PDB file of all heavy atoms in Angstrom:
ATOM      1  N   ILE A   1      87.756  96.926  79.406  1.00  0.00           N
ATOM      2  CA  ILE A   1      89.157  96.566  79.061  1.00  0.00           C
ATOM      3  C   ILE A   1      90.018  96.937  80.203  1.00  0.00           C
ATOM      4  O   ILE A   1      90.046  98.014  80.705  1.00  0.00           O
ATOM      5  CB  ILE A   1      89.550  97.365  77.723  1.00  0.00           C
ATOM      6  CG1 ILE A   1      88.648  97.060  76.613  1.00  0.00           C
ATOM      7  CG2 ILE A   1      91.074  97.046  77.341  1.00  0.00           C
ATOM      8  CD1 ILE A   1      88.816  97.958  75.449  1.00  0.00           C
ATOM      9  N   PRO A   2      90.818  95.973  80.667  1.00  0.00           N
ATOM     10  CA  PRO A   2      91.607  96.195  81.829  1.00  0.00           C
ATOM     11  C   PRO A   2      92.656  97.335  81.488  1.00  0.00           C
ATOM     12  O   PRO A   2      93.326  97.252  80.387  1.00  0.00           O
ATOM     13  CB  PRO A   2      92.416  94.855  82.041  1.00  0.00           C
ATOM     14  CG  PRO A   2      91.763  93.879  81.220  1.00  0.00           C
ATOM     15  CD  PRO A   2      91.018  94.547  80.147  1.00  0.00           C
ATOM     16  N   ASN A   3      92.746  98.332  82.409  1.00  0.00           N
ATOM     17  CA  ASN A   3      93.758  99.362  82.210  1.00  0.00           C
ATOM     18  C   ASN A   3      95.010  99.067  83.082  1.00  0.00           C
ATOM     19  O   ASN A   3      94.842  98.884  84.242  1.00  0.00           O
ATOM     20  CB  ASN A   3      93.124 100.649  82.718  1.00  0.00           C
ATOM     21  CG  ASN A   3      91.922 101.220  81.849  1.00  0.00           C
ATOM     22  OD1 ASN A   3      91.948 100.988  80.722  1.00  0.00           O
ATOM     23  ND2 ASN A   3      90.998 101.822  82.465  1.00  0.00           N
ATOM     24  N   PRO A   4      96.056  98.998  82.393  1.00  0.00           N
ATOM     25  CA  PRO A   4      97.300  98.623  83.090  1.00  0.00           C
ATOM     26  C   PRO A   4      97.584 100.008  83.895  1.00  0.00           C
ATOM     27  O   PRO A   4      97.347 101.031  83.538  1.00  0.00           O
ATOM     28  CB  PRO A   4      98.280  98.418  82.084  1.00  0.00           C
ATOM     29  CG  PRO A   4      97.776  99.124  80.813  1.00  0.00           C
ATOM     30  CD  PRO A   4      96.299  99.094  80.960  1.00  0.00           C
ATOM     31  N   GLY A   5      98.184  99.685  85.025  1.00  0.00           N
ATOM     32  CA  GLY A   5      98.601 100.852  85.857  1.00  0.00           C
ATOM     33  C   GLY A   5      99.372 100.401  87.070  1.00  0.00           C
ATOM     34  O   GLY A   5      99.486  99.205  87.368  1.00  0.00           O
ATOM     35  N   ARG A   6      99.864 101.256  87.748  1.00  0.00           N
ATOM     36  CA  ARG A   6     100.686 100.952  88.861  1.00  0.00           C
ATOM     37  C   ARG A   6      99.780 100.404  90.017  1.00  0.00           C
ATOM     38  O   ARG A   6      98.669 100.957  90.258  1.00  0.00           O
ATOM     39  CB  ARG A   6     101.233 102.328  89.305  1.00  0.00           C
ATOM     40  CG  ARG A   6     102.079 102.231  90.571  1.00  0.00           C
ATOM     41  CD  ARG A   6     102.586 103.622  90.977  1.00  0.00           C
ATOM     42  NE  ARG A   6     103.998 103.598  91.438  1.00  0.00           N
ATOM     43  CZ  ARG A   6     104.675 104.550  91.578  1.00  0.00           C
ATOM     44  NH1 ARG A   6     104.197 105.796  91.316  1.00  0.00           N
ATOM     45  NH2 ARG A   6     105.927 104.515  92.043  1.00  0.00           N
ATOM     46  N   ASN A   7     100.266  99.404  90.658  1.00  0.00           N
ATOM     47  CA  ASN A   7      99.457  98.934  91.858  1.00  0.00           C
ATOM     48  C   ASN A   7      99.643  99.864  93.076  1.00  0.00           C
ATOM     49  O   ASN A   7     100.695 100.539  93.133  1.00  0.00           O
ATOM     50  CB  ASN A   7     100.098  97.537  92.228  1.00  0.00           C
ATOM     51  CG  ASN A   7      99.875  96.438  91.214  1.00  0.00           C
ATOM     52  OD1 ASN A   7      98.841  96.500  90.455  1.00  0.00           O
ATOM     53  ND2 ASN A   7     100.683  95.446  91.182  1.00  0.00           N
ATOM     54  N   ALA A   8      98.553  99.879  93.740  1.00  0.00           N
ATOM     55  CA  ALA A   8      98.489 100.633  94.902  1.00  0.00           C
ATOM     56  C   ALA A   8      99.598 100.302  95.917  1.00  0.00           C
ATOM     57  O   ALA A   8      99.808  99.077  96.126  1.00  0.00           O
ATOM     58  CB  ALA A   8      97.116 100.648  95.682  1.00  0.00           C
ATOM     59  N   ARG A   9     100.255 101.257  96.434  1.00  0.00           N
ATOM     60  CA  ARG A   9     101.222 100.976  97.484  1.00  0.00           C
ATOM     61  C   ARG A   9     100.794 101.310  98.847  1.00  0.00           C
ATOM     62  O   ARG A   9     101.558 101.608  99.658  1.00  0.00           O
ATOM     63  CB  ARG A   9     102.501 101.765  97.119  1.00  0.00           C
ATOM     64  CG  ARG A   9     103.244 101.267  95.847  1.00  0.00           C
ATOM     65  CD  ARG A   9     104.523 101.912  95.782  1.00  0.00           C
ATOM     66  NE  ARG A   9     104.423 103.319  95.230  1.00  0.00           N
ATOM     67  CZ  ARG A   9     105.423 104.187  95.168  1.00  0.00           C
ATOM     68  NH1 ARG A   9     106.680 103.822  95.464  1.00  0.00           N
ATOM     69  NH2 ARG A   9     105.201 105.348  94.742  1.00  0.00           N
ATOM     70  N   MET A  10      99.454 101.206  99.033  1.00  0.00           N
ATOM     71  CA  MET A  10      98.917 101.476 100.361  1.00  0.00           C
ATOM     72  C   MET A  10      98.689 100.030 101.105  1.00  0.00           C
ATOM     73  O   MET A  10      98.451  99.031 100.510  1.00  0.00           O
ATOM     74  CB  MET A  10      97.454 102.028 100.148  1.00  0.00           C
ATOM     75  CG  MET A  10      97.481 103.319  99.340  1.00  0.00           C
ATOM     76  SD  MET A  10      97.900 104.712 100.433  1.00  0.00           S
ATOM     77  CE  MET A  10      96.502 104.876 101.534  1.00  0.00           C
ATOM     78  N   GLU A  11      99.030 100.128 102.368  1.00  0.00           N
ATOM     79  CA  GLU A  11      98.878  98.984 103.171  1.00  0.00           C
ATOM     80  C   GLU A  11      97.337  98.800 103.453  1.00  0.00           C
ATOM     81  O   GLU A  11      96.548  99.766 103.430  1.00  0.00           O
ATOM     82  CB  GLU A  11      99.558  99.147 104.452  1.00  0.00           C
ATOM     83  CG  GLU A  11     101.115  99.333 104.398  1.00  0.00           C
ATOM     84  CD  GLU A  11     101.778  99.675 105.668  1.00  0.00           C
ATOM     85  OE1 GLU A  11     101.110  99.594 106.779  1.00  0.00           O
ATOM     86  OE2 GLU A  11     102.976 100.039 105.656  1.00  0.00           O
ATOM     87  N   GLU A  12      96.976  97.518 103.740  1.00  0.00           N
ATOM     88  CA  GLU A  12      95.609  97.265 103.999  1.00  0.00           C
ATOM     89  C   GLU A  12      95.051  98.069 105.196  1.00  0.00           C
ATOM     90  O   GLU A  12      93.925  98.571 105.212  1.00  0.00           O
ATOM     91  CB  GLU A  12      95.418  95.794 104.381  1.00  0.00           C
ATOM     92  CG  GLU A  12      95.559  94.899 103.176  1.00  0.00           C
ATOM     93  CD  GLU A  12      94.519  95.072 102.079  1.00  0.00           C
ATOM     94  OE1 GLU A  12      93.350  95.287 102.490  1.00  0.00           O
ATOM     95  OE2 GLU A  12      94.885  95.085 100.919  1.00  0.00           O
ATOM     96  N   LYS A  13      96.016  98.307 106.185  1.00  0.00           N
ATOM     97  CA  LYS A  13      95.569  99.128 107.346  1.00  0.00           C
ATOM     98  C   LYS A  13      95.241 100.550 107.017  1.00  0.00           C
ATOM     99  O   LYS A  13      94.254 101.132 107.368  1.00  0.00           O
ATOM    100  CB  LYS A  13      96.687  99.113 108.369  1.00  0.00           C
ATOM    101  CG  LYS A  13      96.272  99.700 109.694  1.00  0.00           C
ATOM    102  CD  LYS A  13      97.491  99.472 110.591  1.00  0.00           C
ATOM    103  CE  LYS A  13      97.134 100.135 112.006  1.00  0.00           C
ATOM    104  NZ  LYS A  13      98.292 100.017 113.001  1.00  0.00           N
ATOM    105  N   GLN A  14      96.007 101.103 106.049  1.00  0.00           N
ATOM    106  CA  GLN A  14      95.811 102.470 105.572  1.00  0.00           C
ATOM    107  C   GLN A  14      94.485 102.472 104.705  1.00  0.00           C
ATOM    108  O   GLN A  14      93.747 103.477 104.859  1.00  0.00           O
ATOM    109  CB  GLN A  14      97.038 102.986 104.764  1.00  0.00           C
ATOM    110  CG  GLN A  14      98.264 103.242 105.571  1.00  0.00           C
ATOM    111  CD  GLN A  14      99.453 103.560 104.708  1.00  0.00           C
ATOM    112  OE1 GLN A  14      99.609 102.984 103.669  1.00  0.00           O
ATOM    113  NE2 GLN A  14     100.142 104.473 105.193  1.00  0.00           N
ATOM    114  N   LEU A  15      94.242 101.590 103.858  1.00  0.00           N
ATOM    115  CA  LEU A  15      93.060 101.560 103.136  1.00  0.00           C
ATOM    116  C   LEU A  15      91.854 101.380 103.975  1.00  0.00           C
ATOM    117  O   LEU A  15      90.848 102.086 103.796  1.00  0.00           O
ATOM    118  CB  LEU A  15      93.110 100.325 102.149  1.00  0.00           C
ATOM    119  CG  LEU A  15      94.031 100.424 100.957  1.00  0.00           C
ATOM    120  CD1 LEU A  15      94.050  99.186 100.172  1.00  0.00           C
ATOM    121  CD2 LEU A  15      93.712 101.606 100.175  1.00  0.00           C
ATOM    122  N   ALA A  16      91.930 100.634 105.014  1.00  0.00           N
ATOM    123  CA  ALA A  16      90.846 100.507 106.029  1.00  0.00           C
ATOM    124  C   ALA A  16      90.563 101.897 106.725  1.00  0.00           C
ATOM    125  O   ALA A  16      89.432 102.189 106.923  1.00  0.00           O
ATOM    126  CB  ALA A  16      91.094  99.492 107.090  1.00  0.00           C
ATOM    127  N   VAL A  17      91.649 102.696 107.050  1.00  0.00           N
ATOM    128  CA  VAL A  17      91.459 103.934 107.626  1.00  0.00           C
ATOM    129  C   VAL A  17      90.679 104.818 106.641  1.00  0.00           C
ATOM    130  O   VAL A  17      89.818 105.575 107.089  1.00  0.00           O
ATOM    131  CB  VAL A  17      92.866 104.531 108.034  1.00  0.00           C
ATOM    132  CG1 VAL A  17      92.705 105.980 108.279  1.00  0.00           C
ATOM    133  CG2 VAL A  17      93.477 103.781 109.188  1.00  0.00           C
ATOM    134  N   ILE A  18      91.057 104.817 105.439  1.00  0.00           N
ATOM    135  CA  ILE A  18      90.445 105.689 104.447  1.00  0.00           C
ATOM    136  C   ILE A  18      89.031 105.322 104.230  1.00  0.00           C
ATOM    137  O   ILE A  18      88.119 106.188 104.318  1.00  0.00           O
ATOM    138  CB  ILE A  18      91.239 105.723 103.074  1.00  0.00           C
ATOM    139  CG1 ILE A  18      92.667 106.229 103.240  1.00  0.00           C
ATOM    140  CG2 ILE A  18      90.407 106.366 102.028  1.00  0.00           C
ATOM    141  CD1 ILE A  18      93.523 106.112 102.030  1.00  0.00           C
ATOM    142  N   SER A  19      88.661 104.025 104.080  1.00  0.00           N
ATOM    143  CA  SER A  19      87.373 103.570 103.972  1.00  0.00           C
ATOM    144  C   SER A  19      86.508 104.004 105.179  1.00  0.00           C
ATOM    145  O   SER A  19      85.417 104.469 105.046  1.00  0.00           O
ATOM    146  CB  SER A  19      87.393 102.088 103.752  1.00  0.00           C
ATOM    147  OG  SER A  19      86.064 101.572 103.698  1.00  0.00           O
ATOM    148  N   LYS A  20      87.043 103.807 106.378  1.00  0.00           N
ATOM    149  CA  LYS A  20      86.327 104.073 107.610  1.00  0.00           C
ATOM    150  C   LYS A  20      86.090 105.529 107.706  1.00  0.00           C
ATOM    151  O   LYS A  20      85.006 105.999 108.046  1.00  0.00           O
ATOM    152  CB  LYS A  20      87.196 103.572 108.817  1.00  0.00           C
ATOM    153  CG  LYS A  20      86.514 103.827 110.185  1.00  0.00           C
ATOM    154  CD  LYS A  20      87.458 103.309 111.228  1.00  0.00           C
ATOM    155  CE  LYS A  20      87.295 104.174 112.521  1.00  0.00           C
ATOM    156  NZ  LYS A  20      88.208 103.863 113.533  1.00  0.00           N
ATOM    157  N   THR A  21      87.023 106.372 107.288  1.00  0.00           N
ATOM    158  CA  THR A  21      86.869 107.831 107.392  1.00  0.00           C
ATOM    159  C   THR A  21      85.813 108.304 106.390  1.00  0.00           C
ATOM    160  O   THR A  21      84.987 109.100 106.769  1.00  0.00           O
ATOM    161  CB  THR A  21      88.347 108.492 106.921  1.00  0.00           C
ATOM    162  OG1 THR A  21      89.282 108.099 107.935  1.00  0.00           O
ATOM    163  CG2 THR A  21      88.158 109.976 106.948  1.00  0.00           C
ATOM    164  N   LEU A  22      85.810 107.747 105.196  1.00  0.00           N
ATOM    165  CA  LEU A  22      84.865 108.174 104.200  1.00  0.00           C
ATOM    166  C   LEU A  22      83.490 107.697 104.500  1.00  0.00           C
ATOM    167  O   LEU A  22      82.433 108.199 103.984  1.00  0.00           O
ATOM    168  CB  LEU A  22      85.318 107.781 102.865  1.00  0.00           C
ATOM    169  CG  LEU A  22      86.520 108.480 102.249  1.00  0.00           C
ATOM    170  CD1 LEU A  22      86.966 107.806 100.945  1.00  0.00           C
ATOM    171  CD2 LEU A  22      86.328 109.868 102.044  1.00  0.00           C
ATOM    172  N   ALA A  23      83.304 106.633 105.402  1.00  0.00           N
ATOM    173  CA  ALA A  23      82.022 106.145 105.682  1.00  0.00           C
ATOM    174  C   ALA A  23      81.229 107.018 106.541  1.00  0.00           C
ATOM    175  O   ALA A  23      80.002 106.846 106.701  1.00  0.00           O
ATOM    176  CB  ALA A  23      82.170 104.689 106.299  1.00  0.00           C
ATOM    177  N   ARG A  24      81.922 107.950 107.231  1.00  0.00           N
ATOM    178  CA  ARG A  24      81.235 108.852 108.053  1.00  0.00           C
ATOM    179  C   ARG A  24      81.381 110.292 107.551  1.00  0.00           C
ATOM    180  O   ARG A  24      82.270 110.594 106.702  1.00  0.00           O
ATOM    181  CB  ARG A  24      81.689 108.816 109.550  1.00  0.00           C
ATOM    182  CG  ARG A  24      83.219 109.069 109.647  1.00  0.00           C
ATOM    183  CD  ARG A  24      83.698 108.731 110.990  1.00  0.00           C
ATOM    184  NE  ARG A  24      85.160 108.904 111.010  1.00  0.00           N
ATOM    185  CZ  ARG A  24      85.888 109.070 112.038  1.00  0.00           C
ATOM    186  NH1 ARG A  24      85.268 109.150 113.200  1.00  0.00           N
ATOM    187  NH2 ARG A  24      87.132 109.225 111.909  1.00  0.00           N
ATOM    188  N   SER A  25      80.552 111.203 108.012  1.00  0.00           N
ATOM    189  CA  SER A  25      80.618 112.577 107.464  1.00  0.00           C
ATOM    190  C   SER A  25      81.806 113.293 108.130  1.00  0.00           C
ATOM    191  O   SER A  25      82.229 112.897 109.182  1.00  0.00           O
ATOM    192  CB  SER A  25      79.314 113.315 107.805  1.00  0.00           C
ATOM    193  OG  SER A  25      79.290 113.628 109.237  1.00  0.00           O
ATOM    194  N   PRO A  26      82.241 114.361 107.341  1.00  0.00           N
ATOM    195  CA  PRO A  26      83.363 115.132 107.939  1.00  0.00           C
ATOM    196  C   PRO A  26      83.026 115.672 109.344  1.00  0.00           C
ATOM    197  O   PRO A  26      83.934 115.779 110.163  1.00  0.00           O
ATOM    198  CB  PRO A  26      83.554 116.220 106.894  1.00  0.00           C
ATOM    199  CG  PRO A  26      83.068 115.737 105.616  1.00  0.00           C
ATOM    200  CD  PRO A  26      81.893 114.733 106.059  1.00  0.00           C
ATOM    201  N   ALA A  27      81.770 116.020 109.498  1.00  0.00           N
ATOM    202  CA  ALA A  27      81.326 116.663 110.772  1.00  0.00           C
ATOM    203  C   ALA A  27      81.476 115.720 111.872  1.00  0.00           C
ATOM    204  O   ALA A  27      82.029 116.100 113.012  1.00  0.00           O
ATOM    205  CB  ALA A  27      79.911 117.140 110.680  1.00  0.00           C
ATOM    206  N   LYS A  28      81.235 114.410 111.647  1.00  0.00           N
ATOM    207  CA  LYS A  28      81.349 113.356 112.667  1.00  0.00           C
ATOM    208  C   LYS A  28      82.910 113.044 112.925  1.00  0.00           C
ATOM    209  O   LYS A  28      83.245 112.549 113.969  1.00  0.00           O
ATOM    210  CB  LYS A  28      80.711 112.103 112.214  1.00  0.00           C
ATOM    211  CG  LYS A  28      79.212 112.182 112.345  1.00  0.00           C
ATOM    212  CD  LYS A  28      78.553 110.863 112.100  1.00  0.00           C
ATOM    213  CE  LYS A  28      76.994 110.989 112.193  1.00  0.00           C
ATOM    214  NZ  LYS A  28      76.311 109.837 111.827  1.00  0.00           N
ATOM    215  N   ALA A  29      83.674 113.437 111.933  1.00  0.00           N
ATOM    216  CA  ALA A  29      85.232 113.347 112.061  1.00  0.00           C
ATOM    217  C   ALA A  29      85.855 114.526 112.783  1.00  0.00           C
ATOM    218  O   ALA A  29      87.063 114.559 112.850  1.00  0.00           O
ATOM    219  CB  ALA A  29      85.842 112.991 110.782  1.00  0.00           C
ATOM    220  N   GLY A  30      84.928 115.465 113.082  1.00  0.00           N
ATOM    221  CA  GLY A  30      85.511 116.627 113.809  1.00  0.00           C
ATOM    222  C   GLY A  30      85.841 117.790 112.797  1.00  0.00           C
ATOM    223  O   GLY A  30      86.571 118.765 113.230  1.00  0.00           O
ATOM    224  N   MET A  31      85.431 117.770 111.652  1.00  0.00           N
ATOM    225  CA  MET A  31      85.701 118.740 110.598  1.00  0.00           C
ATOM    226  C   MET A  31      84.475 119.674 110.459  1.00  0.00           C
ATOM    227  O   MET A  31      83.426 119.360 110.800  1.00  0.00           O
ATOM    228  CB  MET A  31      86.092 118.208 109.279  1.00  0.00           C
ATOM    229  CG  MET A  31      87.109 117.077 109.343  1.00  0.00           C
ATOM    230  SD  MET A  31      88.813 117.677 109.939  1.00  0.00           S
ATOM    231  CE  MET A  31      89.482 118.465 108.624  1.00  0.00           C
ATOM    232  N   LYS A  32      84.759 120.897 109.944  1.00  0.00           N
ATOM    233  CA  LYS A  32      83.740 121.855 109.749  1.00  0.00           C
ATOM    234  C   LYS A  32      82.836 121.676 108.598  1.00  0.00           C
ATOM    235  O   LYS A  32      81.719 122.006 108.540  1.00  0.00           O
ATOM    236  CB  LYS A  32      84.267 123.296 109.790  1.00  0.00           C
ATOM    237  CG  LYS A  32      84.934 123.637 111.092  1.00  0.00           C
ATOM    238  CD  LYS A  32      85.535 125.127 111.013  1.00  0.00           C
ATOM    239  CE  LYS A  32      86.217 125.378 112.392  1.00  0.00           C
ATOM    240  NZ  LYS A  32      86.872 126.664 112.332  1.00  0.00           N
ATOM    241  N   GLU A  33      83.395 121.075 107.497  1.00  0.00           N
ATOM    242  CA  GLU A  33      82.652 120.919 106.254  1.00  0.00           C
ATOM    243  C   GLU A  33      81.689 119.808 106.338  1.00  0.00           C
ATOM    244  O   GLU A  33      81.701 118.913 107.244  1.00  0.00           O
ATOM    245  CB  GLU A  33      83.615 120.571 105.086  1.00  0.00           C
ATOM    246  CG  GLU A  33      84.545 121.731 104.665  1.00  0.00           C
ATOM    247  CD  GLU A  33      85.674 122.146 105.584  1.00  0.00           C
ATOM    248  OE1 GLU A  33      85.910 121.345 106.611  1.00  0.00           O
ATOM    249  OE2 GLU A  33      86.366 123.098 105.355  1.00  0.00           O
ATOM    250  N   ASP A  34      80.694 119.820 105.360  1.00  0.00           N
ATOM    251  CA  ASP A  34      79.645 118.899 105.326  1.00  0.00           C
ATOM    252  C   ASP A  34      80.016 117.679 104.441  1.00  0.00           C
ATOM    253  O   ASP A  34      79.269 116.590 104.479  1.00  0.00           O
ATOM    254  CB  ASP A  34      78.349 119.464 104.877  1.00  0.00           C
ATOM    255  CG  ASP A  34      77.814 120.463 105.816  1.00  0.00           C
ATOM    256  OD1 ASP A  34      78.116 120.321 107.056  1.00  0.00           O
ATOM    257  OD2 ASP A  34      77.111 121.458 105.437  1.00  0.00           O
ATOM    258  N   LYS A  35      80.842 117.925 103.490  1.00  0.00           N
ATOM    259  CA  LYS A  35      81.151 116.816 102.441  1.00  0.00           C
ATOM    260  C   LYS A  35      82.630 116.696 102.170  1.00  0.00           C
ATOM    261  O   LYS A  35      83.356 117.713 102.278  1.00  0.00           O
ATOM    262  CB  LYS A  35      80.550 117.303 101.192  1.00  0.00           C
ATOM    263  CG  LYS A  35      80.637 116.300 100.009  1.00  0.00           C
ATOM    264  CD  LYS A  35      79.799 116.776  98.903  1.00  0.00           C
ATOM    265  CE  LYS A  35      80.036 115.758  97.730  1.00  0.00           C
ATOM    266  NZ  LYS A  35      79.387 116.187  96.484  1.00  0.00           N
ATOM    267  N   TRP A  36      83.038 115.462 102.063  1.00  0.00           N
ATOM    268  CA  TRP A  36      84.530 115.227 101.865  1.00  0.00           C
ATOM    269  C   TRP A  36      84.961 115.782 100.443  1.00  0.00           C
ATOM    270  O   TRP A  36      84.311 115.544  99.515  1.00  0.00           O
ATOM    271  CB  TRP A  36      84.806 113.728 101.913  1.00  0.00           C
ATOM    272  CG  TRP A  36      84.741 113.141 103.310  1.00  0.00           C
ATOM    273  CD1 TRP A  36      83.847 112.256 103.718  1.00  0.00           C
ATOM    274  CD2 TRP A  36      85.609 113.352 104.314  1.00  0.00           C
ATOM    275  NE1 TRP A  36      84.117 111.990 105.088  1.00  0.00           N
ATOM    276  CE2 TRP A  36      85.172 112.607 105.469  1.00  0.00           C
ATOM    277  CE3 TRP A  36      86.662 114.166 104.501  1.00  0.00           C
ATOM    278  CZ2 TRP A  36      85.863 112.653 106.645  1.00  0.00           C
ATOM    279  CZ3 TRP A  36      87.479 114.169 105.709  1.00  0.00           C
ATOM    280  CH2 TRP A  36      86.929 113.402 106.787  1.00  0.00           C
ATOM    281  N   THR A  37      86.073 116.363 100.469  1.00  0.00           N
ATOM    282  CA  THR A  37      86.764 116.745  99.234  1.00  0.00           C
ATOM    283  C   THR A  37      88.152 116.165  99.299  1.00  0.00           C
ATOM    284  O   THR A  37      88.659 115.722 100.322  1.00  0.00           O
ATOM    285  CB  THR A  37      86.856 118.342  99.105  1.00  0.00           C
ATOM    286  OG1 THR A  37      87.650 118.882 100.162  1.00  0.00           O
ATOM    287  CG2 THR A  37      85.496 118.940  99.081  1.00  0.00           C
ATOM    288  N   GLY A  38      88.815 116.178  98.160  1.00  0.00           N
ATOM    289  CA  GLY A  38      90.198 115.652  98.137  1.00  0.00           C
ATOM    290  C   GLY A  38      91.093 116.438  99.079  1.00  0.00           C
ATOM    291  O   GLY A  38      91.874 115.895  99.835  1.00  0.00           O
ATOM    292  N   ARG A  39      90.993 117.775  99.083  1.00  0.00           N
ATOM    293  CA  ARG A  39      91.843 118.541  99.989  1.00  0.00           C
ATOM    294  C   ARG A  39      91.487 118.264 101.389  1.00  0.00           C
ATOM    295  O   ARG A  39      92.373 118.076 102.290  1.00  0.00           O
ATOM    296  CB  ARG A  39      91.529 120.067  99.696  1.00  0.00           C
ATOM    297  CG  ARG A  39      92.098 121.025 100.680  1.00  0.00           C
ATOM    298  CD  ARG A  39      93.652 121.187 100.841  1.00  0.00           C
ATOM    299  NE  ARG A  39      94.211 121.498  99.618  1.00  0.00           N
ATOM    300  CZ  ARG A  39      95.461 121.123  99.260  1.00  0.00           C
ATOM    301  NH1 ARG A  39      96.253 120.417 100.160  1.00  0.00           N
ATOM    302  NH2 ARG A  39      96.018 121.484  98.165  1.00  0.00           N
ATOM    303  N   LEU A  40      90.192 118.238 101.779  1.00  0.00           N
ATOM    304  CA  LEU A  40      89.805 117.954 103.157  1.00  0.00           C
ATOM    305  C   LEU A  40      90.320 116.605 103.642  1.00  0.00           C
ATOM    306  O   LEU A  40      90.840 116.476 104.718  1.00  0.00           O
ATOM    307  CB  LEU A  40      88.255 118.050 103.336  1.00  0.00           C
ATOM    308  CG  LEU A  40      87.692 117.880 104.692  1.00  0.00           C
ATOM    309  CD1 LEU A  40      88.162 118.926 105.682  1.00  0.00           C
ATOM    310  CD2 LEU A  40      86.261 117.820 104.671  1.00  0.00           C
ATOM    311  N   LEU A  41      90.089 115.563 102.784  1.00  0.00           N
ATOM    312  CA  LEU A  41      90.546 114.224 103.201  1.00  0.00           C
ATOM    313  C   LEU A  41      92.099 114.139 103.292  1.00  0.00           C
ATOM    314  O   LEU A  41      92.592 113.598 104.231  1.00  0.00           O
ATOM    315  CB  LEU A  41      90.136 113.149 102.085  1.00  0.00           C
ATOM    316  CG  LEU A  41      90.505 111.734 102.397  1.00  0.00           C
ATOM    317  CD1 LEU A  41      89.860 111.228 103.624  1.00  0.00           C
ATOM    318  CD2 LEU A  41      90.063 110.782 101.197  1.00  0.00           C
TER     319      LEU A  41
END
């Protein structure tokens, strides 16, 4: 059942950055942790 909700106000470029970031490990992004968390991201 479609859930009504607010549309994302993110630009395509920002979404691409998030997707690209999550596609690699935090270690490869220069972070000390092994797994992405909300706080870390």
